[in-house]
Amino acid sequence: EKRTRDITAITDVQQLQALTKDLLLA
């Protein structure tokens, strides 16, 4: 729930892309 809220708050596309790449690797 915490991480879902953190992701929802992201407005920077590059930050969201970096997070997505990290999640795919994990």
mmCIF file of all heavy atoms, coordinates in Angstrom:
data_MODEL
# 
_entry.id   MODEL 
# 
loop_
_atom_site.group_PDB 
_atom_site.id 
_atom_site.type_symbol 
_atom_site.label_atom_id 
_atom_site.label_alt_id 
_atom_site.label_comp_id 
_atom_site.label_asym_id 
_atom_site.label_entity_id 
_atom_site.label_seq_id 
_atom_site.pdbx_PDB_ins_code 
_atom_site.Cartn_x 
_atom_site.Cartn_y 
_atom_site.Cartn_z 
_atom_site.occupancy 
_atom_site.B_iso_or_equiv 
_atom_site.pdbx_formal_charge 
_atom_site.auth_seq_id 
_atom_site.auth_comp_id 
_atom_site.auth_asym_id 
_atom_site.auth_atom_id 
_atom_site.pdbx_PDB_model_num 
ATOM 1   N N   . GLU A 1 1  ? 0.830  -1.207 0.000   1.00 0.00 ? 1  GLU A N   1 
ATOM 2   C CA  . GLU A 1 1  ? 0.000  0.000  0.000   1.00 0.00 ? 1  GLU A CA  1 
ATOM 3   C C   . GLU A 1 1  ? 0.867  1.261  0.000   1.00 0.00 ? 1  GLU A C   1 
ATOM 4   O O   . GLU A 1 1  ? 0.601  2.204  -0.744  1.00 0.00 ? 1  GLU A O   1 
ATOM 5   C CB  . GLU A 1 1  ? -0.930 0.002  1.209   1.00 0.00 ? 1  GLU A CB  1 
ATOM 6   C CG  . GLU A 1 1  ? -1.820 1.224  1.294   1.00 0.00 ? 1  GLU A CG  1 
ATOM 7   C CD  . GLU A 1 1  ? -2.767 1.400  0.116   1.00 0.00 ? 1  GLU A CD  1 
ATOM 8   O OE1 . GLU A 1 1  ? -3.169 0.387  -0.507  1.00 0.00 ? 1  GLU A OE1 1 
ATOM 9   O OE2 . GLU A 1 1  ? -3.116 2.562  -0.193  1.00 0.00 ? 1  GLU A OE2 1 
ATOM 10  N N   . LYS A 1 2  ? 1.915  1.262  0.812   1.00 0.00 ? 2  LYS A N   1 
ATOM 11  C CA  . LYS A 1 2  ? 2.817  2.430  0.868   1.00 0.00 ? 2  LYS A CA  1 
ATOM 12  C C   . LYS A 1 2  ? 3.465  2.670  -0.486  1.00 0.00 ? 2  LYS A C   1 
ATOM 13  O O   . LYS A 1 2  ? 3.488  3.789  -0.990  1.00 0.00 ? 2  LYS A O   1 
ATOM 14  C CB  . LYS A 1 2  ? 3.891  2.216  1.928   1.00 0.00 ? 2  LYS A CB  1 
ATOM 15  C CG  . LYS A 1 2  ? 4.863  3.376  2.041   1.00 0.00 ? 2  LYS A CG  1 
ATOM 16  C CD  . LYS A 1 2  ? 5.977  3.057  3.021   1.00 0.00 ? 2  LYS A CD  1 
ATOM 17  C CE  . LYS A 1 2  ? 6.961  4.190  3.167   1.00 0.00 ? 2  LYS A CE  1 
ATOM 18  N NZ  . LYS A 1 2  ? 7.569  4.628  1.932   1.00 0.00 ? 2  LYS A NZ  1 
ATOM 19  N N   . ARG A 1 3  ? 4.012  1.603  -1.073  1.00 0.00 ? 3  ARG A N   1 
ATOM 20  C CA  . ARG A 1 3  ? 4.687  1.748  -2.363  1.00 0.00 ? 3  ARG A CA  1 
ATOM 21  C C   . ARG A 1 3  ? 3.707  2.126  -3.470  1.00 0.00 ? 3  ARG A C   1 
ATOM 22  O O   . ARG A 1 3  ? 4.054  2.883  -4.376  1.00 0.00 ? 3  ARG A O   1 
ATOM 23  C CB  . ARG A 1 3  ? 5.418  0.459  -2.735  1.00 0.00 ? 3  ARG A CB  1 
ATOM 24  C CG  . ARG A 1 3  ? 6.500  0.067  -1.765  1.00 0.00 ? 3  ARG A CG  1 
ATOM 25  C CD  . ARG A 1 3  ? 7.573  1.110  -1.685  1.00 0.00 ? 3  ARG A CD  1 
ATOM 26  N NE  . ARG A 1 3  ? 8.557  0.724  -0.691  1.00 0.00 ? 3  ARG A NE  1 
ATOM 27  C CZ  . ARG A 1 3  ? 9.562  1.480  -0.326  1.00 0.00 ? 3  ARG A CZ  1 
ATOM 28  N NH1 . ARG A 1 3  ? 9.725  2.666  -0.856  1.00 0.00 ? 3  ARG A NH1 1 
ATOM 29  N NH2 . ARG A 1 3  ? 10.402 1.064  0.579   1.00 0.00 ? 3  ARG A NH2 1 
ATOM 30  N N   . THR A 1 4  ? 2.489  1.611  -3.397  1.00 0.00 ? 4  THR A N   1 
ATOM 31  C CA  . THR A 1 4  ? 1.466  1.971  -4.382  1.00 0.00 ? 4  THR A CA  1 
ATOM 32  C C   . THR A 1 4  ? 1.182  3.465  -4.326  1.00 0.00 ? 4  THR A C   1 
ATOM 33  O O   . THR A 1 4  ? 1.079  4.138  -5.359  1.00 0.00 ? 4  THR A O   1 
ATOM 34  C CB  . THR A 1 4  ? 0.172  1.167  -4.134  1.00 0.00 ? 4  THR A CB  1 
ATOM 35  O OG1 . THR A 1 4  ? 0.466  -0.223 -4.308  1.00 0.00 ? 4  THR A OG1 1 
ATOM 36  C CG2 . THR A 1 4  ? -0.932 1.564  -5.095  1.00 0.00 ? 4  THR A CG2 1 
ATOM 37  N N   . ARG A 1 5  ? 1.092  3.991  -3.119  1.00 0.00 ? 5  ARG A N   1 
ATOM 38  C CA  . ARG A 1 5  ? 0.869  5.438  -2.962  1.00 0.00 ? 5  ARG A CA  1 
ATOM 39  C C   . ARG A 1 5  ? 2.060  6.237  -3.463  1.00 0.00 ? 5  ARG A C   1 
ATOM 40  O O   . ARG A 1 5  ? 1.888  7.291  -4.085  1.00 0.00 ? 5  ARG A O   1 
ATOM 41  C CB  . ARG A 1 5  ? 0.570  5.768  -1.502  1.00 0.00 ? 5  ARG A CB  1 
ATOM 42  C CG  . ARG A 1 5  ? -0.771 5.239  -1.053  1.00 0.00 ? 5  ARG A CG  1 
ATOM 43  C CD  . ARG A 1 5  ? -1.022 5.522  0.396   1.00 0.00 ? 5  ARG A CD  1 
ATOM 44  N NE  . ARG A 1 5  ? -2.243 4.842  0.825   1.00 0.00 ? 5  ARG A NE  1 
ATOM 45  C CZ  . ARG A 1 5  ? -2.989 5.239  1.821   1.00 0.00 ? 5  ARG A CZ  1 
ATOM 46  N NH1 . ARG A 1 5  ? -2.648 6.305  2.535   1.00 0.00 ? 5  ARG A NH1 1 
ATOM 47  N NH2 . ARG A 1 5  ? -4.070 4.568  2.153   1.00 0.00 ? 5  ARG A NH2 1 
ATOM 48  N N   . ASP A 1 6  ? 3.269  5.739  -3.199  1.00 0.00 ? 6  ASP A N   1 
ATOM 49  C CA  . ASP A 1 6  ? 4.476  6.422  -3.701  1.00 0.00 ? 6  ASP A CA  1 
ATOM 50  C C   . ASP A 1 6  ? 4.461  6.477  -5.229  1.00 0.00 ? 6  ASP A C   1 
ATOM 51  O O   . ASP A 1 6  ? 4.767  7.518  -5.829  1.00 0.00 ? 6  ASP A O   1 
ATOM 52  C CB  . ASP A 1 6  ? 5.743  5.701  -3.235  1.00 0.00 ? 6  ASP A CB  1 
ATOM 53  C CG  . ASP A 1 6  ? 6.005  5.818  -1.750  1.00 0.00 ? 6  ASP A CG  1 
ATOM 54  O OD1 . ASP A 1 6  ? 5.387  6.680  -1.091  1.00 0.00 ? 6  ASP A OD1 1 
ATOM 55  O OD2 . ASP A 1 6  ? 6.826  5.022  -1.238  1.00 0.00 ? 6  ASP A OD2 1 
ATOM 56  N N   . ILE A 1 7  ? 4.112  5.369  -5.865  1.00 0.00 ? 7  ILE A N   1 
ATOM 57  C CA  . ILE A 1 7  ? 4.079  5.311  -7.328  1.00 0.00 ? 7  ILE A CA  1 
ATOM 58  C C   . ILE A 1 7  ? 3.006  6.245  -7.872  1.00 0.00 ? 7  ILE A C   1 
ATOM 59  O O   . ILE A 1 7  ? 3.225  6.959  -8.858  1.00 0.00 ? 7  ILE A O   1 
ATOM 60  C CB  . ILE A 1 7  ? 3.860  3.866  -7.812  1.00 0.00 ? 7  ILE A CB  1 
ATOM 61  C CG1 . ILE A 1 7  ? 5.111  3.031  -7.511  1.00 0.00 ? 7  ILE A CG1 1 
ATOM 62  C CG2 . ILE A 1 7  ? 3.528  3.822  -9.298  1.00 0.00 ? 7  ILE A CG2 1 
ATOM 63  C CD1 . ILE A 1 7  ? 4.928  1.542  -7.682  1.00 0.00 ? 7  ILE A CD1 1 
ATOM 64  N N   . THR A 1 8  ? 1.857  6.260  -7.231  1.00 0.00 ? 8  THR A N   1 
ATOM 65  C CA  . THR A 1 8  ? 0.767  7.128  -7.670  1.00 0.00 ? 8  THR A CA  1 
ATOM 66  C C   . THR A 1 8  ? 1.178  8.597  -7.622  1.00 0.00 ? 8  THR A C   1 
ATOM 67  O O   . THR A 1 8  ? 0.754  9.395  -8.462  1.00 0.00 ? 8  THR A O   1 
ATOM 68  C CB  . THR A 1 8  ? -0.490 6.895  -6.800  1.00 0.00 ? 8  THR A CB  1 
ATOM 69  O OG1 . THR A 1 8  ? -0.879 5.533  -6.941  1.00 0.00 ? 8  THR A OG1 1 
ATOM 70  C CG2 . THR A 1 8  ? -1.643 7.782  -7.223  1.00 0.00 ? 8  THR A CG2 1 
ATOM 71  N N   . ALA A 1 9  ? 2.030  8.949  -6.679  1.00 0.00 ? 9  ALA A N   1 
ATOM 72  C CA  . ALA A 1 9  ? 2.456  10.339 -6.505  1.00 0.00 ? 9  ALA A CA  1 
ATOM 73  C C   . ALA A 1 9  ? 3.505  10.776 -7.528  1.00 0.00 ? 9  ALA A C   1 
ATOM 74  O O   . ALA A 1 9  ? 3.764  11.977 -7.670  1.00 0.00 ? 9  ALA A O   1 
ATOM 75  C CB  . ALA A 1 9  ? 2.987  10.544 -5.092  1.00 0.00 ? 9  ALA A CB  1 
ATOM 76  N N   . ILE A 1 10 ? 4.116  9.852  -8.256  1.00 0.00 ? 10 ILE A N   1 
ATOM 77  C CA  . ILE A 1 10 ? 5.165  10.200 -9.215  1.00 0.00 ? 10 ILE A CA  1 
ATOM 78  C C   . ILE A 1 10 ? 4.552  10.940 -10.402 1.00 0.00 ? 10 ILE A C   1 
ATOM 79  O O   . ILE A 1 10 ? 3.609  10.475 -11.021 1.00 0.00 ? 10 ILE A O   1 
ATOM 80  C CB  . ILE A 1 10 ? 5.911  8.944  -9.705  1.00 0.00 ? 10 ILE A CB  1 
ATOM 81  C CG1 . ILE A 1 10 ? 6.678  8.303  -8.556  1.00 0.00 ? 10 ILE A CG1 1 
ATOM 82  C CG2 . ILE A 1 10 ? 6.860  9.298  -10.853 1.00 0.00 ? 10 ILE A CG2 1 
ATOM 83  C CD1 . ILE A 1 10 ? 7.332  6.971  -8.915  1.00 0.00 ? 10 ILE A CD1 1 
ATOM 84  N N   . THR A 1 11 ? 5.123  12.096 -10.698 1.00 0.00 ? 11 THR A N   1 
ATOM 85  C CA  . THR A 1 11 ? 4.680  12.868 -11.855 1.00 0.00 ? 11 THR A CA  1 
ATOM 86  C C   . THR A 1 11 ? 5.776  12.985 -12.910 1.00 0.00 ? 11 THR A C   1 
ATOM 87  O O   . THR A 1 11 ? 5.501  13.354 -14.041 1.00 0.00 ? 11 THR A O   1 
ATOM 88  C CB  . THR A 1 11 ? 4.229  14.283 -11.441 1.00 0.00 ? 11 THR A CB  1 
ATOM 89  O OG1 . THR A 1 11 ? 5.309  14.943 -10.783 1.00 0.00 ? 11 THR A OG1 1 
ATOM 90  C CG2 . THR A 1 11 ? 3.019  14.219 -10.511 1.00 0.00 ? 11 THR A CG2 1 
ATOM 91  N N   . ASP A 1 12 ? 6.995  12.653 -12.550 1.00 0.00 ? 12 ASP A N   1 
ATOM 92  C CA  . ASP A 1 12 ? 8.136  12.724 -13.459 1.00 0.00 ? 12 ASP A CA  1 
ATOM 93  C C   . ASP A 1 12 ? 8.231  11.413 -14.245 1.00 0.00 ? 12 ASP A C   1 
ATOM 94  O O   . ASP A 1 12 ? 8.443  10.341 -13.664 1.00 0.00 ? 12 ASP A O   1 
ATOM 95  C CB  . ASP A 1 12 ? 9.408  12.953 -12.645 1.00 0.00 ? 12 ASP A CB  1 
ATOM 96  C CG  . ASP A 1 12 ? 10.663 13.071 -13.490 1.00 0.00 ? 12 ASP A CG  1 
ATOM 97  O OD1 . ASP A 1 12 ? 10.659 12.655 -14.667 1.00 0.00 ? 12 ASP A OD1 1 
ATOM 98  O OD2 . ASP A 1 12 ? 11.665 13.576 -12.964 1.00 0.00 ? 12 ASP A OD2 1 
ATOM 99  N N   . VAL A 1 13 ? 8.076  11.490 -15.552 1.00 0.00 ? 13 VAL A N   1 
ATOM 100 C CA  . VAL A 1 13 ? 8.087  10.295 -16.396 1.00 0.00 ? 13 VAL A CA  1 
ATOM 101 C C   . VAL A 1 13 ? 9.424  9.564  -16.296 1.00 0.00 ? 13 VAL A C   1 
ATOM 102 O O   . VAL A 1 13 ? 9.454  8.333  -16.227 1.00 0.00 ? 13 VAL A O   1 
ATOM 103 C CB  . VAL A 1 13 ? 7.771  10.651 -17.866 1.00 0.00 ? 13 VAL A CB  1 
ATOM 104 C CG1 . VAL A 1 13 ? 7.956  9.452  -18.777 1.00 0.00 ? 13 VAL A CG1 1 
ATOM 105 C CG2 . VAL A 1 13 ? 6.361  11.200 -17.989 1.00 0.00 ? 13 VAL A CG2 1 
ATOM 106 N N   . GLN A 1 14 ? 10.524 10.272 -16.255 1.00 0.00 ? 14 GLN A N   1 
ATOM 107 C CA  . GLN A 1 14 ? 11.831 9.623  -16.171 1.00 0.00 ? 14 GLN A CA  1 
ATOM 108 C C   . GLN A 1 14 ? 11.982 8.867  -14.852 1.00 0.00 ? 14 GLN A C   1 
ATOM 109 O O   . GLN A 1 14 ? 12.548 7.782  -14.808 1.00 0.00 ? 14 GLN A O   1 
ATOM 110 C CB  . GLN A 1 14 ? 12.947 10.640 -16.352 1.00 0.00 ? 14 GLN A CB  1 
ATOM 111 C CG  . GLN A 1 14 ? 13.048 11.150 -17.780 1.00 0.00 ? 14 GLN A CG  1 
ATOM 112 C CD  . GLN A 1 14 ? 14.158 12.167 -17.964 1.00 0.00 ? 14 GLN A CD  1 
ATOM 113 O OE1 . GLN A 1 14 ? 14.547 12.851 -17.030 1.00 0.00 ? 14 GLN A OE1 1 
ATOM 114 N NE2 . GLN A 1 14 ? 14.643 12.259 -19.192 1.00 0.00 ? 14 GLN A NE2 1 
ATOM 115 N N   . GLN A 1 15 ? 11.476 9.450  -13.788 1.00 0.00 ? 15 GLN A N   1 
ATOM 116 C CA  . GLN A 1 15 ? 11.522 8.777  -12.491 1.00 0.00 ? 15 GLN A CA  1 
ATOM 117 C C   . GLN A 1 15 ? 10.668 7.502  -12.531 1.00 0.00 ? 15 GLN A C   1 
ATOM 118 O O   . GLN A 1 15 ? 11.067 6.457  -12.038 1.00 0.00 ? 15 GLN A O   1 
ATOM 119 C CB  . GLN A 1 15 ? 11.016 9.716  -11.391 1.00 0.00 ? 15 GLN A CB  1 
ATOM 120 C CG  . GLN A 1 15 ? 11.115 9.148  -9.998  1.00 0.00 ? 15 GLN A CG  1 
ATOM 121 C CD  . GLN A 1 15 ? 10.572 10.100 -8.941  1.00 0.00 ? 15 GLN A CD  1 
ATOM 122 O OE1 . GLN A 1 15 ? 10.032 11.151 -9.248  1.00 0.00 ? 15 GLN A OE1 1 
ATOM 123 N NE2 . GLN A 1 15 ? 10.711 9.709  -7.699  1.00 0.00 ? 15 GLN A NE2 1 
ATOM 124 N N   . LEU A 1 16 ? 9.507  7.593  -13.157 1.00 0.00 ? 16 LEU A N   1 
ATOM 125 C CA  . LEU A 1 16 ? 8.632  6.426  -13.287 1.00 0.00 ? 16 LEU A CA  1 
ATOM 126 C C   . LEU A 1 16 ? 9.275  5.346  -14.155 1.00 0.00 ? 16 LEU A C   1 
ATOM 127 O O   . LEU A 1 16 ? 9.205  4.154  -13.844 1.00 0.00 ? 16 LEU A O   1 
ATOM 128 C CB  . LEU A 1 16 ? 7.281  6.847  -13.862 1.00 0.00 ? 16 LEU A CB  1 
ATOM 129 C CG  . LEU A 1 16 ? 6.193  5.780  -13.901 1.00 0.00 ? 16 LEU A CG  1 
ATOM 130 C CD1 . LEU A 1 16 ? 5.918  5.210  -12.524 1.00 0.00 ? 16 LEU A CD1 1 
ATOM 131 C CD2 . LEU A 1 16 ? 4.928  6.349  -14.514 1.00 0.00 ? 16 LEU A CD2 1 
ATOM 132 N N   . GLN A 1 17 ? 9.950  5.748  -15.223 1.00 0.00 ? 17 GLN A N   1 
ATOM 133 C CA  . GLN A 1 17 ? 10.642 4.786  -16.079 1.00 0.00 ? 17 GLN A CA  1 
ATOM 134 C C   . GLN A 1 17 ? 11.759 4.084  -15.309 1.00 0.00 ? 17 GLN A C   1 
ATOM 135 O O   . GLN A 1 17 ? 11.926 2.861  -15.420 1.00 0.00 ? 17 GLN A O   1 
ATOM 136 C CB  . GLN A 1 17 ? 11.214 5.481  -17.311 1.00 0.00 ? 17 GLN A CB  1 
ATOM 137 C CG  . GLN A 1 17 ? 10.155 5.898  -18.307 1.00 0.00 ? 17 GLN A CG  1 
ATOM 138 C CD  . GLN A 1 17 ? 10.728 6.733  -19.439 1.00 0.00 ? 17 GLN A CD  1 
ATOM 139 O OE1 . GLN A 1 17 ? 11.776 7.371  -19.312 1.00 0.00 ? 17 GLN A OE1 1 
ATOM 140 N NE2 . GLN A 1 17 ? 10.023 6.746  -20.568 1.00 0.00 ? 17 GLN A NE2 1 
ATOM 141 N N   . ALA A 1 18 ? 12.524 4.830  -14.536 1.00 0.00 ? 18 ALA A N   1 
ATOM 142 C CA  . ALA A 1 18 ? 13.614 4.245  -13.758 1.00 0.00 ? 18 ALA A CA  1 
ATOM 143 C C   . ALA A 1 18 ? 13.070 3.253  -12.730 1.00 0.00 ? 18 ALA A C   1 
ATOM 144 O O   . ALA A 1 18 ? 13.616 2.152  -12.561 1.00 0.00 ? 18 ALA A O   1 
ATOM 145 C CB  . ALA A 1 18 ? 14.415 5.343  -13.057 1.00 0.00 ? 18 ALA A CB  1 
ATOM 146 N N   . LEU A 1 19 ? 11.993 3.626  -12.069 1.00 0.00 ? 19 LEU A N   1 
ATOM 147 C CA  . LEU A 1 19 ? 11.373 2.733  -11.098 1.00 0.00 ? 19 LEU A CA  1 
ATOM 148 C C   . LEU A 1 19 ? 10.874 1.458  -11.767 1.00 0.00 ? 19 LEU A C   1 
ATOM 149 O O   . LEU A 1 19 ? 11.069 0.349  -11.260 1.00 0.00 ? 19 LEU A O   1 
ATOM 150 C CB  . LEU A 1 19 ? 10.221 3.441  -10.385 1.00 0.00 ? 19 LEU A CB  1 
ATOM 151 C CG  . LEU A 1 19 ? 9.417  2.590  -9.410  1.00 0.00 ? 19 LEU A CG  1 
ATOM 152 C CD1 . LEU A 1 19 ? 10.290 2.099  -8.270  1.00 0.00 ? 19 LEU A CD1 1 
ATOM 153 C CD2 . LEU A 1 19 ? 8.230  3.376  -8.890  1.00 0.00 ? 19 LEU A CD2 1 
ATOM 154 N N   . THR A 1 20 ? 10.262 1.596  -12.920 1.00 0.00 ? 20 THR A N   1 
ATOM 155 C CA  . THR A 1 20 ? 9.756  0.444  -13.659 1.00 0.00 ? 20 THR A CA  1 
ATOM 156 C C   . THR A 1 20 ? 10.887 -0.503 -14.036 1.00 0.00 ? 20 THR A C   1 
ATOM 157 O O   . THR A 1 20 ? 10.765 -1.729 -13.894 1.00 0.00 ? 20 THR A O   1 
ATOM 158 C CB  . THR A 1 20 ? 8.993  0.907  -14.914 1.00 0.00 ? 20 THR A CB  1 
ATOM 159 O OG1 . THR A 1 20 ? 7.936  1.781  -14.509 1.00 0.00 ? 20 THR A OG1 1 
ATOM 160 C CG2 . THR A 1 20 ? 8.423  -0.264 -15.682 1.00 0.00 ? 20 THR A CG2 1 
ATOM 161 N N   . LYS A 1 21 ? 11.998 0.044  -14.488 1.00 0.00 ? 21 LYS A N   1 
ATOM 162 C CA  . LYS A 1 21 ? 13.147 -0.790 -14.846 1.00 0.00 ? 21 LYS A CA  1 
ATOM 163 C C   . LYS A 1 21 ? 13.683 -1.518 -13.624 1.00 0.00 ? 21 LYS A C   1 
ATOM 164 O O   . LYS A 1 21 ? 14.030 -2.703 -13.701 1.00 0.00 ? 21 LYS A O   1 
ATOM 165 C CB  . LYS A 1 21 ? 14.238 0.064  -15.493 1.00 0.00 ? 21 LYS A CB  1 
ATOM 166 C CG  . LYS A 1 21 ? 13.852 0.560  -16.871 1.00 0.00 ? 21 LYS A CG  1 
ATOM 167 C CD  . LYS A 1 21 ? 14.897 1.521  -17.408 1.00 0.00 ? 21 LYS A CD  1 
ATOM 168 C CE  . LYS A 1 21 ? 14.458 2.123  -18.729 1.00 0.00 ? 21 LYS A CE  1 
ATOM 169 N NZ  . LYS A 1 21 ? 15.443 3.087  -19.249 1.00 0.00 ? 21 LYS A NZ  1 
ATOM 170 N N   . ASP A 1 22 ? 13.751 -0.833 -12.486 1.00 0.00 ? 22 ASP A N   1 
ATOM 171 C CA  . ASP A 1 22 ? 14.203 -1.465 -11.244 1.00 0.00 ? 22 ASP A CA  1 
ATOM 172 C C   . ASP A 1 22 ? 13.263 -2.603 -10.845 1.00 0.00 ? 22 ASP A C   1 
ATOM 173 O O   . ASP A 1 22 ? 13.707 -3.675 -10.424 1.00 0.00 ? 22 ASP A O   1 
ATOM 174 C CB  . ASP A 1 22 ? 14.278 -0.451 -10.101 1.00 0.00 ? 22 ASP A CB  1 
ATOM 175 C CG  . ASP A 1 22 ? 15.401 0.558  -10.274 1.00 0.00 ? 22 ASP A CG  1 
ATOM 176 O OD1 . ASP A 1 22 ? 16.319 0.323  -11.094 1.00 0.00 ? 22 ASP A OD1 1 
ATOM 177 O OD2 . ASP A 1 22 ? 15.357 1.594  -9.575  1.00 0.00 ? 22 ASP A OD2 1 
ATOM 178 N N   . LEU A 1 23 ? 11.961 -2.384 -10.964 1.00 0.00 ? 23 LEU A N   1 
ATOM 179 C CA  . LEU A 1 23 ? 10.985 -3.412 -10.609 1.00 0.00 ? 23 LEU A CA  1 
ATOM 180 C C   . LEU A 1 23 ? 11.073 -4.614 -11.544 1.00 0.00 ? 23 LEU A C   1 
ATOM 181 O O   . LEU A 1 23 ? 10.966 -5.766 -11.100 1.00 0.00 ? 23 LEU A O   1 
ATOM 182 C CB  . LEU A 1 23 ? 9.570  -2.830 -10.630 1.00 0.00 ? 23 LEU A CB  1 
ATOM 183 C CG  . LEU A 1 23 ? 9.252  -1.844 -9.508  1.00 0.00 ? 23 LEU A CG  1 
ATOM 184 C CD1 . LEU A 1 23 ? 7.904  -1.183 -9.752  1.00 0.00 ? 23 LEU A CD1 1 
ATOM 185 C CD2 . LEU A 1 23 ? 9.292  -2.528 -8.159  1.00 0.00 ? 23 LEU A CD2 1 
ATOM 186 N N   . LEU A 1 24 ? 11.271 -4.364 -12.833 1.00 0.00 ? 24 LEU A N   1 
ATOM 187 C CA  . LEU A 1 24 ? 11.428 -5.470 -13.780 1.00 0.00 ? 24 LEU A CA  1 
ATOM 188 C C   . LEU A 1 24 ? 12.656 -6.310 -13.448 1.00 0.00 ? 24 LEU A C   1 
ATOM 189 O O   . LEU A 1 24 ? 12.608 -7.546 -13.489 1.00 0.00 ? 24 LEU A O   1 
ATOM 190 C CB  . LEU A 1 24 ? 11.519 -4.943 -15.211 1.00 0.00 ? 24 LEU A CB  1 
ATOM 191 C CG  . LEU A 1 24 ? 10.208 -4.502 -15.842 1.00 0.00 ? 24 LEU A CG  1 
ATOM 192 C CD1 . LEU A 1 24 ? 10.473 -3.780 -17.159 1.00 0.00 ? 24 LEU A CD1 1 
ATOM 193 C CD2 . LEU A 1 24 ? 9.294  -5.689 -16.056 1.00 0.00 ? 24 LEU A CD2 1 
ATOM 194 N N   . LEU A 1 25 ? 13.747 -5.659 -13.102 1.00 0.00 ? 25 LEU A N   1 
ATOM 195 C CA  . LEU A 1 25 ? 14.965 -6.372 -12.733 1.00 0.00 ? 25 LEU A CA  1 
ATOM 196 C C   . LEU A 1 25 ? 14.729 -7.193 -11.462 1.00 0.00 ? 25 LEU A C   1 
ATOM 197 O O   . LEU A 1 25 ? 15.086 -8.377 -11.403 1.00 0.00 ? 25 LEU A O   1 
ATOM 198 C CB  . LEU A 1 25 ? 16.125 -5.396 -12.533 1.00 0.00 ? 25 LEU A CB  1 
ATOM 199 C CG  . LEU A 1 25 ? 17.428 -6.013 -12.045 1.00 0.00 ? 25 LEU A CG  1 
ATOM 200 C CD1 . LEU A 1 25 ? 17.937 -7.079 -13.022 1.00 0.00 ? 25 LEU A CD1 1 
ATOM 201 C CD2 . LEU A 1 25 ? 18.471 -4.926 -11.822 1.00 0.00 ? 25 LEU A CD2 1 
ATOM 202 N N   . ALA A 1 26 ? 14.103 -6.592 -10.453 1.00 0.00 ? 26 ALA A N   1 
ATOM 203 C CA  . ALA A 1 26 ? 13.835 -7.301 -9.200  1.00 0.00 ? 26 ALA A CA  1 
ATOM 204 C C   . ALA A 1 26 ? 12.929 -8.503 -9.442  1.00 0.00 ? 26 ALA A C   1 
ATOM 205 O O   . ALA A 1 26 ? 13.124 -9.574 -8.851  1.00 0.00 ? 26 ALA A O   1 
ATOM 206 C CB  . ALA A 1 26 ? 13.207 -6.356 -8.182  1.00 0.00 ? 26 ALA A CB  1 
# 
